[in-house]
Amino acid sequence: TYSIKESEKESRSSTETNSNDATPQLPSSNTSGRTPVFGEDNILLTPIAGKESVKRKKPKTNLVKSNSQFISRVIPHDSLNKRLQEHNPEGMFVFANIDRAYQWLDLSSPTPARAQPLMKILFAKAHMLCHDINSLTKGPNHIDVIMGASTGDIVWFEAYSQKYVRMNKNNIISTSAVSQIRWLPGSENLFLASHMDGCLIVYDKERDDAAFIPESNGAPTHSHNPFDHDLKPFHINKSVNSKNQKANPVASWKISNHHITDFGFSPDSRHLAVVSEDGSLHIINYLKEQLTDLYPSYYGAFNCVCWSPDGKYVLTGGQDDLVSIWSLAERRIVARCPGHHSWVTAVAFDPWRCDNRNYRFGSVGEDRRLLLWDFNIGMLRRPKAASIRNRASISSNVPIGRNRTESHATNRLRSTSSLDDNGVDADQLVEHEVESRTVTAELPPVMSKVIDEHPLSWVGFEAECIITACVEGHVRVWKRPQDGLSP
């Protein structure tokens, strides 16, 4: 167990508690085929050939020597350089945030150094709410980290050089807090941030910021939402194909009037699953900037979302105390998973326990429980009342069950499109209604255990362990049983 909570000597300026997030720095996985890159058709986003394109850029401001009022204090380990030199290349770094504190840990260090952070950053007023590591640019001496703050600020931090760049400074682009942030697949520079005002914004870490005014040519992709009348249309405030790409943002989409709570990219790097506080699951073809599916929760907000390793299923967890499994090929919910006694805060697939037919995933929640679940395709059949077809609202006479495949090598199949009165492609969106629990399969957990004294906020899987984190800043590493035994 490792604590990342601030000590009394480091004096916090706020008593507000935000959920922490721990992200392992994992080895890169090689996938066959070319990864599509967002914005590659816009020549204005293509790096200019020359000396600058050969050498990877790094942030310019030294974190330790900075006199910025944004940063309160930086505490590097006394033997930081030595520990980095001794770091096992196969070992694991963990970056974790809670309240004003952001820490860099080396879980491959011997005890007791393992519990001592390589670096601890204390921010003056901002609470870091989320972060991500660029798997494309990371190397033995380089780790690009982006962080999103409660103030709306975004920080690009290169760990080894201890330098950073602050973006959306003074809320020049968005005044809303950042709820989630992730690097775009296949890109060294672009990342996506969800803001709590319901906007998704694409930034370039190497571009300057400029005051942002939504462009007039943005168009809604649907006109209403049958289960939440407060939800605004999916609206393109700025397209990735815009000719104005001199400064951030690269693209901006408005998808909700409510907080976006989480999002994740599909393994084939073509689709985006987004969940929000209004209980909506959005499936977006982000390469084409098109909303394709809109699903409702059973009730309450969605808190978390993730994709299966093969991209066939999406998991959501929320305030209905349920984990839900959604099939992208069938375009429907295929199972609800009761077992938590309070809100579900994080879900994740275990890639070491998944194959083409069998899947393992885990979930954690405010009930302090870790639950493990197993399912296969045969278990997801509907109950006896399943002959009732799930109703959905679509904007033309296209069969609800049309094929849609999500994998590393295939695209979504679409029929010939027609336009509605507003000139919007009528075949791009299916709006799904809430499906009764009597016609949806229920999946019980294979393990349920209280593992912490505090509500849990994160879960991740490694080859030899399971990692969890709680809202009080405790990161726990659970070793798997030996000899291939479950879990």
Protein backbone atom coordinates (compact mmCIF):
# COMPACT_ATOMS: atom_id res chain seq x y z
CA THR A 1 0.00 0.00 0.00
CA TYR A 2 1.32 3.44 -0.95
CA SER A 3 -0.13 6.71 0.28
CA ILE A 4 -0.07 9.80 -1.92
CA LYS A 5 -2.03 11.99 0.47
CA GLU A 6 -0.50 15.32 1.45
CA SER A 7 1.25 15.40 4.81
CA GLU A 8 0.45 18.09 7.35
CA LYS A 9 3.89 19.65 6.78
CA GLU A 10 2.99 20.31 3.14
CA SER A 11 -0.13 22.28 4.14
CA ARG A 12 -3.04 22.07 1.75
CA SER A 13 -4.90 25.21 0.81
CA SER A 14 -8.21 23.47 0.32
CA THR A 15 -10.06 20.77 2.21
CA GLU A 16 -12.10 19.81 -0.82
CA THR A 17 -11.60 16.15 -1.71
CA ASN A 18 -11.44 14.95 -5.30
CA SER A 19 -11.10 11.37 -6.45
CA ASN A 20 -7.52 10.42 -7.19
CA ASP A 21 -6.38 8.56 -10.27
CA ALA A 22 -3.40 6.22 -10.57
CA THR A 23 -2.09 5.40 -14.03
CA PRO A 24 0.61 2.77 -14.60
CA GLN A 25 3.12 3.44 -17.35
CA LEU A 26 2.67 0.25 -19.37
CA PRO A 27 4.82 -1.27 -22.10
CA SER A 28 3.68 -0.34 -25.60
CA SER A 29 1.67 -3.04 -27.35
CA ASN A 30 2.30 -3.71 -31.03
CA THR A 31 -0.82 -3.90 -33.16
CA SER A 32 -1.02 -4.96 -36.75
CA GLY A 33 -2.15 -2.48 -39.36
CA ARG A 34 -1.92 1.25 -39.50
CA THR A 35 -3.53 3.34 -36.78
CA PRO A 36 -5.73 6.09 -38.24
CA VAL A 37 -4.69 9.55 -37.10
CA PHE A 38 -7.18 12.27 -36.25
CA GLY A 39 -6.86 15.26 -38.57
CA GLU A 40 -4.49 13.62 -41.05
CA ASP A 41 -6.59 14.87 -43.97
CA ASN A 42 -6.07 18.50 -42.93
CA ILE A 43 -2.77 19.65 -44.41
CA LEU A 44 -2.66 22.47 -41.84
CA LEU A 45 -2.18 19.87 -39.11
CA THR A 46 0.61 18.03 -40.96
CA PRO A 47 4.05 18.61 -39.36
CA ILE A 48 6.34 20.65 -41.60
CA ALA A 49 9.36 18.71 -42.83
CA GLY A 50 12.64 20.08 -41.56
CA LYS A 51 14.89 20.16 -38.54
CA GLU A 52 12.07 20.80 -36.08
CA SER A 53 10.12 17.73 -37.24
CA VAL A 54 13.10 15.44 -36.69
CA LYS A 55 13.79 16.45 -33.11
CA ARG A 56 11.02 15.85 -30.57
CA LYS A 57 10.10 18.99 -28.70
CA LYS A 58 10.06 19.27 -24.93
CA PRO A 59 8.42 21.79 -22.62
CA LYS A 60 10.56 24.85 -21.87
CA THR A 61 9.73 25.91 -18.30
CA ASN A 62 11.70 24.23 -15.53
CA LEU A 63 9.28 22.91 -12.95
CA VAL A 64 11.64 23.11 -9.98
CA LYS A 65 12.90 26.62 -10.75
CA SER A 66 9.54 28.04 -11.79
CA ASN A 67 8.30 31.11 -9.92
CA SER A 68 4.74 30.62 -11.18
CA GLN A 69 1.99 31.19 -8.64
CA PHE A 70 0.20 28.23 -10.21
CA ILE A 71 2.69 25.84 -8.56
CA SER A 72 3.08 25.92 -4.80
CA ARG A 73 5.98 23.53 -4.29
CA VAL A 74 8.00 20.83 -6.07
CA ILE A 75 9.61 18.09 -3.99
CA PRO A 76 12.00 15.89 -6.02
CA HIS A 77 13.57 12.88 -4.33
CA ASP A 78 17.05 13.56 -2.97
CA SER A 79 18.42 10.74 -5.14
CA LEU A 80 16.18 11.27 -8.14
CA ASN A 81 18.86 10.90 -10.82
CA LYS A 82 20.30 7.82 -9.17
CA ARG A 83 16.90 6.16 -8.85
CA LEU A 84 16.12 6.88 -12.49
CA GLN A 85 19.44 5.35 -13.56
CA GLU A 86 18.72 2.27 -11.46
CA HIS A 87 15.14 1.93 -12.71
CA ASN A 88 14.37 -1.47 -14.20
CA PRO A 89 13.38 -0.95 -17.88
CA GLU A 90 10.71 -3.63 -17.37
CA GLY A 91 9.49 -1.99 -14.17
CA MET A 92 6.45 0.15 -13.64
CA PHE A 93 6.10 3.88 -13.05
CA VAL A 94 2.85 5.13 -11.52
CA PHE A 95 1.56 8.69 -11.74
CA ALA A 96 -1.15 9.54 -9.22
CA ASN A 97 -3.14 12.62 -8.27
CA ILE A 98 -5.18 13.60 -5.23
CA ASP A 99 -6.31 17.11 -4.33
CA ARG A 100 -3.40 19.52 -4.93
CA ALA A 101 -0.77 16.77 -4.97
CA TYR A 102 0.60 14.98 -8.03
CA GLN A 103 3.13 12.18 -7.55
CA TRP A 104 5.50 10.09 -9.64
CA LEU A 105 6.19 6.65 -8.14
CA ASP A 106 8.46 3.76 -9.13
CA LEU A 107 6.81 0.50 -8.10
CA SER A 108 9.84 -1.49 -9.27
CA SER A 109 12.08 0.11 -6.62
CA PRO A 110 13.04 -2.05 -3.65
CA THR A 111 11.27 -1.50 -0.33
CA PRO A 112 11.17 1.01 1.42
CA ALA A 113 12.17 3.34 -1.47
CA ARG A 114 9.16 2.09 -3.40
CA ALA A 115 6.80 4.14 -1.23
CA GLN A 116 8.88 7.30 -1.63
CA PRO A 117 7.83 9.32 -4.67
CA LEU A 118 10.40 10.24 -7.30
CA MET A 119 8.74 13.63 -7.44
CA LYS A 120 5.82 15.35 -5.76
CA ILE A 121 4.19 18.47 -7.19
CA LEU A 122 1.89 20.63 -5.09
CA PHE A 123 -0.28 23.07 -7.00
CA ALA A 124 -1.29 26.36 -5.40
CA LYS A 125 -5.03 26.33 -5.99
CA ALA A 126 -5.76 23.84 -8.75
CA HIS A 127 -6.64 20.22 -8.03
CA MET A 128 -5.45 17.84 -10.73
CA LEU A 129 -8.47 15.70 -11.62
CA CYS A 130 -7.07 13.52 -14.42
CA HIS A 131 -3.95 12.71 -16.39
CA ASP A 132 -2.60 10.48 -19.15
CA ILE A 133 0.73 9.21 -20.50
CA ASN A 134 1.62 9.26 -24.19
CA SER A 135 2.45 5.65 -25.06
CA LEU A 136 3.72 6.69 -28.50
CA THR A 137 6.45 9.06 -27.29
CA LYS A 138 7.53 7.40 -24.05
CA GLY A 139 11.03 5.96 -23.95
CA PRO A 140 13.89 5.18 -21.56
CA ASN A 141 14.50 8.90 -20.99
CA HIS A 142 11.22 10.54 -21.99
CA ILE A 143 7.64 10.48 -20.64
CA ASP A 144 5.02 12.97 -21.84
CA VAL A 145 2.25 13.46 -19.28
CA ILE A 146 -0.81 15.69 -19.60
CA MET A 147 -2.92 16.74 -16.61
CA GLY A 148 -6.33 18.37 -16.37
CA ALA A 149 -7.18 20.65 -13.45
CA SER A 150 -10.24 21.81 -11.53
CA THR A 151 -9.46 25.35 -12.71
CA GLY A 152 -9.63 24.34 -16.38
CA ASP A 153 -5.85 24.56 -16.77
CA ILE A 154 -4.00 21.83 -18.65
CA VAL A 155 -0.37 20.96 -17.94
CA TRP A 156 1.99 19.18 -20.35
CA PHE A 157 4.77 17.73 -18.19
CA GLU A 158 7.87 15.88 -19.40
CA ALA A 159 8.94 13.83 -16.38
CA TYR A 160 12.65 13.28 -17.05
CA SER A 161 13.51 16.87 -17.96
CA GLN A 162 11.20 18.16 -15.19
CA LYS A 163 9.82 20.80 -17.54
CA TYR A 164 6.25 21.80 -18.28
CA VAL A 165 3.89 23.96 -20.34
CA ARG A 166 0.61 25.35 -19.04
CA MET A 167 -2.31 25.50 -21.48
CA ASN A 168 -5.75 27.09 -21.32
CA LYS A 169 -4.11 29.63 -19.04
CA ASN A 170 -6.56 32.17 -17.61
CA ASN A 171 -9.34 30.06 -19.19
CA ILE A 172 -8.64 31.54 -22.61
CA ILE A 173 -10.31 28.56 -24.35
CA SER A 174 -12.61 27.07 -21.72
CA THR A 175 -13.67 28.27 -18.27
CA SER A 176 -14.76 24.80 -17.17
CA ALA A 177 -12.87 22.18 -15.15
CA VAL A 178 -11.29 19.23 -16.97
CA SER A 179 -12.97 15.96 -16.02
CA GLN A 180 -10.94 13.58 -18.21
CA ILE A 181 -7.96 13.87 -20.55
CA ARG A 182 -6.32 11.41 -22.96
CA TRP A 183 -3.78 11.47 -25.77
CA LEU A 184 -5.29 10.79 -29.20
CA PRO A 185 -4.26 7.38 -30.55
CA GLY A 186 -1.39 7.56 -33.02
CA SER A 187 -0.56 11.18 -32.25
CA GLU A 188 2.52 12.63 -30.54
CA ASN A 189 0.98 16.07 -30.09
CA LEU A 190 -2.83 15.92 -29.99
CA PHE A 191 -4.92 15.12 -26.93
CA LEU A 192 -8.60 15.27 -26.03
CA ALA A 193 -9.96 16.92 -22.89
CA SER A 194 -13.53 16.70 -21.62
CA HIS A 195 -14.70 19.79 -19.80
CA MET A 196 -17.47 19.86 -17.23
CA ASP A 197 -19.57 22.19 -19.37
CA GLY A 198 -20.26 19.28 -21.73
CA CYS A 199 -17.57 20.09 -24.31
CA LEU A 200 -14.90 17.84 -25.82
CA ILE A 201 -11.86 19.83 -26.98
CA VAL A 202 -8.83 18.65 -28.95
CA TYR A 203 -5.57 20.46 -28.13
CA ASP A 204 -2.10 20.38 -29.64
CA LYS A 205 0.62 20.46 -26.99
CA GLU A 206 2.95 22.42 -29.29
CA ARG A 207 0.49 25.12 -30.38
CA ASP A 208 -0.17 28.37 -28.59
CA ASP A 209 -3.62 29.09 -27.19
CA ALA A 210 -5.89 31.79 -28.57
CA ALA A 211 -9.25 33.17 -27.48
CA PHE A 212 -11.83 30.77 -28.88
CA ILE A 213 -15.09 31.74 -30.54
CA PRO A 214 -17.17 28.85 -31.94
CA GLU A 215 -17.13 28.83 -35.72
CA SER A 216 -20.43 29.53 -37.45
CA ASN A 217 -20.28 26.51 -39.73
CA GLY A 218 -20.69 24.04 -36.87
CA ALA A 219 -23.80 21.91 -37.40
CA PRO A 220 -25.82 19.72 -35.05
CA THR A 221 -25.96 16.03 -35.96
CA HIS A 222 -29.35 15.42 -34.35
CA SER A 223 -32.22 17.55 -33.22
CA HIS A 224 -33.41 16.15 -29.91
CA ASN A 225 -32.87 13.58 -27.20
CA PRO A 226 -35.97 11.58 -26.23
CA PHE A 227 -34.82 10.74 -22.69
CA ASP A 228 -33.24 14.03 -21.64
CA HIS A 229 -34.82 17.16 -23.04
CA ASP A 230 -32.07 19.32 -21.50
CA LEU A 231 -29.41 17.68 -23.65
CA LYS A 232 -28.18 19.90 -26.48
CA PRO A 233 -27.47 18.47 -29.94
CA PHE A 234 -24.02 17.12 -30.72
CA HIS A 235 -22.62 20.34 -32.13
CA ILE A 236 -19.32 21.00 -33.88
CA ASN A 237 -18.02 24.27 -32.46
CA LYS A 238 -14.85 23.85 -34.49
CA SER A 239 -14.07 21.07 -36.94
CA VAL A 240 -10.72 19.38 -37.29
CA ASN A 241 -11.02 20.29 -40.97
CA SER A 242 -11.17 24.00 -40.16
CA LYS A 243 -8.76 26.22 -42.07
CA ASN A 244 -8.05 28.12 -38.87
CA GLN A 245 -5.41 25.94 -37.21
CA LYS A 246 -2.83 28.49 -36.13
CA ALA A 247 -3.68 28.05 -32.44
CA ASN A 248 -5.56 25.83 -30.02
CA PRO A 249 -8.16 24.40 -30.03
CA VAL A 250 -7.73 22.01 -32.95
CA ALA A 251 -11.37 20.89 -32.66
CA SER A 252 -14.27 21.44 -30.26
CA TRP A 253 -17.58 19.58 -29.88
CA LYS A 254 -20.52 20.31 -27.60
CA ILE A 255 -22.30 17.08 -26.64
CA SER A 256 -24.19 17.85 -23.44
CA ASN A 257 -25.49 20.45 -21.01
CA HIS A 258 -24.18 18.27 -18.19
CA HIS A 259 -20.77 17.21 -16.93
CA ILE A 260 -18.86 14.72 -19.05
CA THR A 261 -17.62 12.16 -16.53
CA ASP A 262 -15.41 9.87 -18.62
CA PHE A 263 -14.48 8.81 -22.15
CA GLY A 264 -12.35 6.20 -23.89
CA PHE A 265 -11.02 5.46 -27.38
CA SER A 266 -11.83 2.18 -29.13
CA PRO A 267 -8.91 -0.20 -29.75
CA ASP A 268 -9.20 0.36 -33.51
CA SER A 269 -8.72 4.12 -32.91
CA ARG A 270 -11.88 5.09 -34.77
CA HIS A 271 -14.57 5.51 -32.15
CA LEU A 272 -15.03 7.31 -28.88
CA ALA A 273 -17.29 6.26 -25.99
CA VAL A 274 -18.35 9.21 -23.82
CA VAL A 275 -20.48 9.12 -20.65
CA SER A 276 -22.02 12.04 -18.85
CA GLU A 277 -23.86 13.09 -15.73
CA ASP A 278 -27.22 13.04 -17.52
CA GLY A 279 -26.96 9.24 -17.89
CA SER A 280 -26.02 9.20 -21.58
CA LEU A 281 -23.54 6.95 -23.37
CA HIS A 282 -22.43 8.52 -26.65
CA ILE A 283 -20.66 6.50 -29.36
CA ILE A 284 -18.85 8.92 -31.67
CA ASN A 285 -16.92 8.29 -34.85
CA TYR A 286 -14.42 10.96 -33.91
CA LEU A 287 -12.41 10.65 -37.13
CA LYS A 288 -15.52 11.80 -39.00
CA GLU A 289 -16.85 13.94 -36.14
CA GLN A 290 -20.18 12.09 -36.18
CA LEU A 291 -22.38 10.88 -33.33
CA THR A 292 -23.64 7.38 -34.19
CA ASP A 293 -25.36 5.98 -31.08
CA LEU A 294 -26.93 7.43 -27.95
CA TYR A 295 -27.77 5.07 -25.06
CA PRO A 296 -29.43 5.85 -21.69
CA SER A 297 -28.55 4.51 -18.25
CA TYR A 298 -31.12 2.53 -16.25
CA TYR A 299 -31.25 5.62 -14.04
CA GLY A 300 -28.84 8.23 -12.77
CA ALA A 301 -25.47 9.35 -14.07
CA PHE A 302 -22.77 7.29 -15.71
CA ASN A 303 -19.42 7.63 -13.91
CA CYS A 304 -17.01 5.54 -16.01
CA VAL A 305 -16.58 3.76 -19.33
CA CYS A 306 -14.09 1.44 -21.06
CA TRP A 307 -13.74 -0.74 -24.17
CA SER A 308 -13.02 -4.47 -24.38
CA PRO A 309 -9.58 -5.27 -25.83
CA ASP A 310 -11.16 -6.39 -29.12
CA GLY A 311 -13.48 -3.36 -29.31
CA LYS A 312 -16.66 -5.47 -29.41
CA TYR A 313 -18.05 -4.38 -26.04
CA VAL A 314 -18.27 -1.23 -23.95
CA LEU A 315 -18.61 -1.23 -20.16
CA THR A 316 -20.25 1.54 -18.17
CA GLY A 317 -20.67 2.03 -14.43
CA GLY A 318 -22.85 4.55 -12.72
CA GLN A 319 -25.15 5.80 -10.01
CA ASP A 320 -27.60 2.95 -10.59
CA ASP A 321 -25.04 0.70 -8.82
CA LEU A 322 -24.80 -1.35 -12.02
CA VAL A 323 -22.12 -2.26 -14.51
CA SER A 324 -23.68 -2.47 -17.98
CA ILE A 325 -22.31 -4.32 -21.02
CA TRP A 326 -23.09 -2.86 -24.43
CA SER A 327 -22.55 -4.70 -27.73
CA LEU A 328 -21.37 -2.48 -30.56
CA ALA A 329 -22.14 -5.10 -33.22
CA GLU A 330 -25.73 -5.58 -31.99
CA ARG A 331 -26.11 -1.91 -31.03
CA ARG A 332 -27.82 -2.69 -27.74
CA ILE A 333 -27.29 -3.42 -24.08
CA VAL A 334 -26.56 -7.14 -23.64
CA ALA A 335 -26.23 -7.46 -19.86
CA ARG A 336 -26.60 -5.60 -16.58
CA CYS A 337 -24.31 -6.60 -13.74
CA PRO A 338 -25.70 -6.07 -10.21
CA GLY A 339 -23.39 -6.59 -7.25
CA HIS A 340 -22.27 -3.18 -6.02
CA HIS A 341 -23.99 -1.60 -3.03
CA SER A 342 -23.26 1.97 -4.09
CA TRP A 343 -22.12 3.98 -7.10
CA VAL A 344 -19.67 2.32 -9.50
CA THR A 345 -16.63 4.58 -9.95
CA ALA A 346 -14.29 2.65 -12.29
CA VAL A 347 -14.38 -0.30 -14.68
CA ALA A 348 -11.57 -2.02 -16.58
CA PHE A 349 -11.06 -5.15 -18.65
CA ASP A 350 -8.30 -7.58 -17.69
CA PRO A 351 -6.44 -8.13 -20.99
CA TRP A 352 -4.56 -11.08 -19.52
CA ARG A 353 -7.88 -12.90 -18.99
CA CYS A 354 -9.58 -12.06 -22.29
CA ASP A 355 -9.62 -13.91 -25.63
CA ASN A 356 -11.91 -14.01 -28.66
CA ARG A 357 -14.88 -15.44 -26.72
CA ASN A 358 -14.17 -15.08 -23.00
CA TYR A 359 -13.79 -11.86 -21.06
CA ARG A 360 -12.76 -10.82 -17.56
CA PHE A 361 -13.30 -7.34 -16.15
CA GLY A 362 -13.22 -5.64 -12.78
CA SER A 363 -15.11 -2.80 -11.14
CA VAL A 364 -14.75 -0.71 -7.99
CA GLY A 365 -17.14 1.62 -6.26
CA GLU A 366 -18.02 3.83 -3.34
CA ASP A 367 -19.00 0.68 -1.43
CA ARG A 368 -15.23 0.01 -1.09
CA ARG A 369 -15.61 -3.23 -3.03
CA LEU A 370 -13.59 -4.79 -5.82
CA LEU A 371 -15.74 -7.02 -8.03
CA LEU A 372 -14.48 -9.38 -10.73
CA TRP A 373 -16.72 -10.59 -13.54
CA ASP A 374 -16.41 -13.28 -16.23
CA PHE A 375 -18.58 -13.60 -19.30
CA ASN A 376 -18.60 -15.14 -22.74
CA ILE A 377 -20.76 -14.70 -25.80
CA GLY A 378 -23.09 -17.58 -24.84
CA MET A 379 -23.89 -16.04 -21.45
CA LEU A 380 -25.28 -12.85 -22.97
CA ARG A 381 -28.51 -14.33 -24.30
CA ARG A 382 -31.73 -12.56 -23.47
CA PRO A 383 -34.21 -13.89 -20.86
CA LYS A 384 -37.52 -15.44 -21.91
CA ALA A 385 -39.08 -12.06 -22.61
CA ALA A 386 -36.29 -11.29 -25.04
CA SER A 387 -38.57 -11.63 -28.04
CA ILE A 388 -39.51 -8.01 -27.36
CA ARG A 389 -37.25 -6.03 -29.63
CA ASN A 390 -35.45 -3.06 -28.14
CA ARG A 391 -37.08 0.08 -29.48
CA ALA A 392 -34.94 2.82 -30.87
CA SER A 393 -35.47 6.13 -32.58
CA ILE A 394 -33.76 6.42 -35.95
CA SER A 395 -34.10 9.09 -38.54
CA SER A 396 -34.87 6.87 -41.54
CA ASN A 397 -36.11 3.37 -42.37
CA VAL A 398 -32.78 1.69 -41.74
CA PRO A 399 -32.99 -1.67 -39.86
CA ILE A 400 -32.04 -1.28 -36.22
CA GLY A 401 -29.86 -4.35 -36.33
CA ARG A 402 -27.64 -3.29 -39.20
CA ASN A 403 -24.10 -4.58 -38.95
CA ARG A 404 -21.46 -2.67 -37.10
CA THR A 405 -18.09 -4.20 -36.41
CA GLU A 406 -15.43 -2.79 -34.10
CA SER A 407 -11.97 -4.28 -34.44
CA HIS A 408 -8.45 -3.43 -35.44
CA ALA A 409 -9.09 -4.15 -39.11
CA THR A 410 -12.68 -3.23 -39.91
CA ASN A 411 -14.79 -0.13 -40.33
CA ARG A 412 -18.44 0.44 -39.53
CA LEU A 413 -20.73 -0.69 -42.34
CA ARG A 414 -23.17 1.99 -43.47
CA SER A 415 -26.06 1.97 -45.88
CA THR A 416 -26.71 4.61 -48.50
CA SER A 417 -27.54 7.81 -46.68
CA SER A 418 -30.40 10.22 -47.20
CA LEU A 419 -30.76 13.75 -45.89
CA ASP A 420 -33.52 15.08 -43.69
CA ASP A 421 -35.09 18.52 -43.94
CA ASN A 422 -32.11 20.10 -42.23
CA GLY A 423 -29.61 18.56 -44.62
CA VAL A 424 -28.18 16.31 -41.91
CA ASP A 425 -27.21 12.75 -42.83
CA ALA A 426 -30.23 10.76 -41.60
CA ASP A 427 -28.41 7.46 -41.14
CA GLN A 428 -25.73 8.64 -38.72
CA LEU A 429 -27.55 8.30 -35.41
CA VAL A 430 -29.62 5.74 -33.51
CA GLU A 431 -31.19 7.00 -30.28
CA HIS A 432 -31.90 4.07 -27.98
CA GLU A 433 -34.51 3.90 -25.25
CA VAL A 434 -34.13 2.38 -21.78
CA GLU A 435 -34.51 -1.39 -21.97
CA SER A 436 -36.50 -3.15 -19.25
CA ARG A 437 -34.55 -5.35 -16.85
CA THR A 438 -36.97 -8.19 -17.64
CA VAL A 439 -35.58 -8.45 -21.17
CA THR A 440 -31.91 -7.94 -20.33
CA ALA A 441 -29.55 -10.66 -19.14
CA GLU A 442 -28.09 -10.26 -15.63
CA LEU A 443 -24.53 -11.28 -14.87
CA PRO A 444 -23.39 -12.06 -11.30
CA PRO A 445 -19.81 -11.34 -10.17
CA VAL A 446 -17.36 -14.19 -9.63
CA MET A 447 -15.76 -12.28 -6.74
CA SER A 448 -16.87 -9.45 -4.46
CA LYS A 449 -14.74 -8.19 -1.61
CA VAL A 450 -14.39 -5.07 0.52
CA ILE A 451 -10.71 -4.13 0.10
CA ASP A 452 -10.39 -0.63 1.55
CA GLU A 453 -11.59 1.58 4.36
CA HIS A 454 -12.46 4.35 1.92
CA PRO A 455 -14.47 4.62 -1.32
CA LEU A 456 -12.50 3.30 -4.30
CA SER A 457 -11.79 5.44 -7.35
CA TRP A 458 -9.66 3.42 -9.80
CA VAL A 459 -8.78 -0.13 -10.87
CA GLY A 460 -6.17 -1.42 -13.31
CA PHE A 461 -4.80 -4.81 -14.35
CA GLU A 462 -1.22 -5.94 -14.83
CA ALA A 463 0.21 -9.32 -15.80
CA GLU A 464 1.10 -10.17 -12.21
CA CYS A 465 -1.14 -7.88 -10.15
CA ILE A 466 -4.29 -5.81 -9.81
CA ILE A 467 -3.93 -2.17 -8.74
CA THR A 468 -6.60 -0.14 -6.96
CA ALA A 469 -6.76 3.41 -5.60
CA CYS A 470 -9.09 5.11 -3.15
CA VAL A 471 -10.26 8.69 -2.67
CA GLU A 472 -7.97 9.14 0.34
CA GLY A 473 -4.85 8.57 -1.78
CA HIS A 474 -3.96 4.95 -1.03
CA VAL A 475 -2.63 2.96 -3.99
CA ARG A 476 -2.77 -0.79 -3.34
CA VAL A 477 -1.10 -3.53 -5.36
CA TRP A 478 -2.73 -6.98 -5.18
CA LYS A 479 -0.64 -9.92 -6.39
CA ARG A 480 -2.38 -12.50 -8.52
CA PRO A 481 -2.39 -16.13 -7.35
CA GLN A 482 0.42 -18.21 -8.80
CA ASP A 483 0.14 -21.07 -11.32
CA GLY A 484 -2.53 -19.33 -13.38
CA LEU A 485 -5.28 -19.66 -10.77
CA SER A 486 -8.09 -17.11 -10.75
CA PRO A 487 -8.41 -14.24 -10.25
